[in-house]
């Protein structure tokens, strides 16, 4: 099994930036893709971004151009740099792993809260 530990959430003003980190441990050889989902209050969980082991990335339309996902394979860590944050980005952000690029998540982190408010 894979264990995921997220960090970096918090409160930020609109237009500000935050960087989320997620470190994986355990059965890391099964990991192909790492990424992020989020869930806002009263809404369903949604895809945010992911990155494959060779560096290919995909983003949700709502965050493209504002968020950047990156990965350090040596540290089994994925990052999400979030810029130009908006109130609608407020959500619990979950780190995930997948065995293939567009497969369903196979492991979830515990989630980290991101709140964008003035």
Protein backbone atom coordinates (compact mmCIF):
# COMPACT_ATOMS: atom_id res chain seq x y z
CA UNK A 1 0.00 0.00 0.00
CA UNK A 2 0.94 3.61 -0.55
CA UNK A 3 0.79 6.23 2.18
CA UNK A 4 0.47 9.89 1.25
CA UNK A 5 1.16 12.84 3.53
CA UNK A 6 0.15 16.32 2.38
CA UNK A 7 1.29 19.70 3.67
CA UNK A 8 1.13 23.35 2.74
CA UNK A 9 -2.54 24.28 2.99
CA UNK A 10 -3.79 27.37 4.77
CA UNK A 11 -5.54 30.70 4.49
CA UNK A 12 -4.58 33.10 1.70
CA UNK A 13 -6.06 36.27 0.24
CA UNK A 14 -7.48 36.35 -3.28
CA UNK A 15 -4.66 36.75 -5.76
CA UNK A 16 -2.18 35.09 -3.43
CA UNK A 17 -0.18 31.89 -3.75
CA UNK A 18 0.25 28.61 -1.92
CA UNK A 19 2.36 25.54 -2.52
CA UNK A 20 1.11 22.10 -1.58
CA UNK A 21 3.42 19.13 -1.11
CA UNK A 22 2.69 15.43 -0.91
CA UNK A 23 5.19 12.74 0.03
CA UNK A 24 4.55 9.11 -0.85
CA UNK A 25 5.86 6.08 1.01
CA UNK A 26 5.18 2.37 1.03
CA UNK A 27 4.63 0.48 -2.25
CA UNK A 28 5.96 3.32 -4.38
CA UNK A 29 6.92 1.07 -7.30
CA UNK A 30 3.22 0.81 -8.11
CA UNK A 31 2.99 4.55 -8.65
CA UNK A 32 2.86 5.85 -12.21
CA UNK A 33 0.94 9.08 -11.82
CA UNK A 34 0.62 11.45 -8.88
CA UNK A 35 -1.84 14.27 -8.65
CA UNK A 36 -4.41 16.34 -6.84
CA UNK A 37 -8.17 16.37 -6.46
CA UNK A 38 -10.24 18.84 -4.45
CA UNK A 39 -13.62 19.02 -2.81
CA UNK A 40 -15.39 22.26 -2.03
CA UNK A 41 -18.22 22.44 0.53
CA UNK A 42 -21.42 21.04 -0.93
CA UNK A 43 -19.73 19.93 -4.14
CA UNK A 44 -18.41 16.69 -5.52
CA UNK A 45 -14.73 15.87 -5.49
CA UNK A 46 -13.06 16.99 -8.73
CA UNK A 47 -9.82 16.48 -10.61
CA UNK A 48 -7.28 19.31 -10.38
CA UNK A 49 -4.03 18.13 -11.98
CA UNK A 50 -1.73 15.15 -12.35
CA UNK A 51 1.76 14.31 -13.53
CA UNK A 52 3.14 11.03 -14.81
CA UNK A 53 6.50 9.51 -13.95
CA UNK A 54 7.96 10.88 -17.20
CA UNK A 55 6.67 14.39 -16.51
CA UNK A 56 3.54 14.60 -18.65
CA UNK A 57 0.92 16.83 -17.07
CA UNK A 58 -2.80 17.47 -17.32
CA UNK A 59 -4.87 20.19 -15.66
CA UNK A 60 -8.50 20.95 -15.07
CA UNK A 61 -9.65 23.85 -17.23
CA UNK A 62 -10.48 25.92 -14.15
CA UNK A 63 -6.86 25.94 -12.92
CA UNK A 64 -4.88 25.86 -16.16
CA UNK A 65 -2.46 28.75 -16.35
CA UNK A 66 -2.65 29.41 -12.60
CA UNK A 67 -1.55 26.08 -11.06
CA UNK A 68 1.63 24.17 -11.80
CA UNK A 69 2.22 20.57 -10.82
CA UNK A 70 5.72 19.15 -10.48
CA UNK A 71 7.33 16.03 -9.16
CA UNK A 72 10.58 14.93 -7.57
CA UNK A 73 10.86 11.22 -8.32
CA UNK A 74 13.93 10.82 -6.09
CA UNK A 75 11.90 12.06 -3.13
CA UNK A 76 8.60 10.48 -4.22
CA UNK A 77 7.04 13.88 -3.76
CA UNK A 78 4.58 15.87 -5.84
CA UNK A 79 4.00 19.62 -5.57
CA UNK A 80 1.18 21.91 -6.57
CA UNK A 81 2.09 25.57 -6.96
CA UNK A 82 -1.10 27.60 -6.87
CA UNK A 83 -0.98 31.21 -8.04
CA UNK A 84 -3.65 33.86 -8.59
CA UNK A 85 -5.91 32.06 -6.15
CA UNK A 86 -9.62 32.76 -6.23
CA UNK A 87 -12.37 32.27 -3.67
CA UNK A 88 -13.68 29.38 -5.76
CA UNK A 89 -10.40 27.53 -5.20
CA UNK A 90 -11.38 27.09 -1.56
CA UNK A 91 -11.56 23.36 -0.91
CA UNK A 92 -9.93 20.41 0.74
CA UNK A 93 -7.13 19.28 -1.55
CA UNK A 94 -6.30 15.59 -1.73
CA UNK A 95 -3.12 14.03 -3.05
CA UNK A 96 -3.62 10.87 -5.09
CA UNK A 97 -1.64 8.19 -6.87
CA UNK A 98 -2.66 6.24 -9.94
CA UNK A 99 -1.26 3.18 -11.69
CA UNK A 100 -1.85 4.84 -15.07
CA UNK A 101 -2.34 8.36 -16.36
CA UNK A 102 -6.13 8.47 -16.70
CA UNK A 103 -6.95 5.64 -14.33
CA UNK A 104 -8.89 6.07 -11.11
CA UNK A 105 -6.92 7.01 -8.00
CA UNK A 106 -5.51 4.03 -6.13
CA UNK A 107 -4.50 5.89 -2.96
CA UNK A 108 -5.65 9.11 -1.27
CA UNK A 109 -4.04 11.41 1.23
CA UNK A 110 -5.90 12.74 4.25
CA UNK A 111 -6.49 16.12 2.64
CA UNK A 112 -5.32 19.64 3.36
CA UNK A 113 -7.58 22.68 3.62
CA UNK A 114 -7.04 25.65 1.32
CA UNK A 115 -9.11 28.73 2.08
CA UNK A 116 -9.02 31.79 -0.17
CA UNK A 117 -10.64 34.74 1.55
CA UNK A 118 -10.05 38.38 2.32
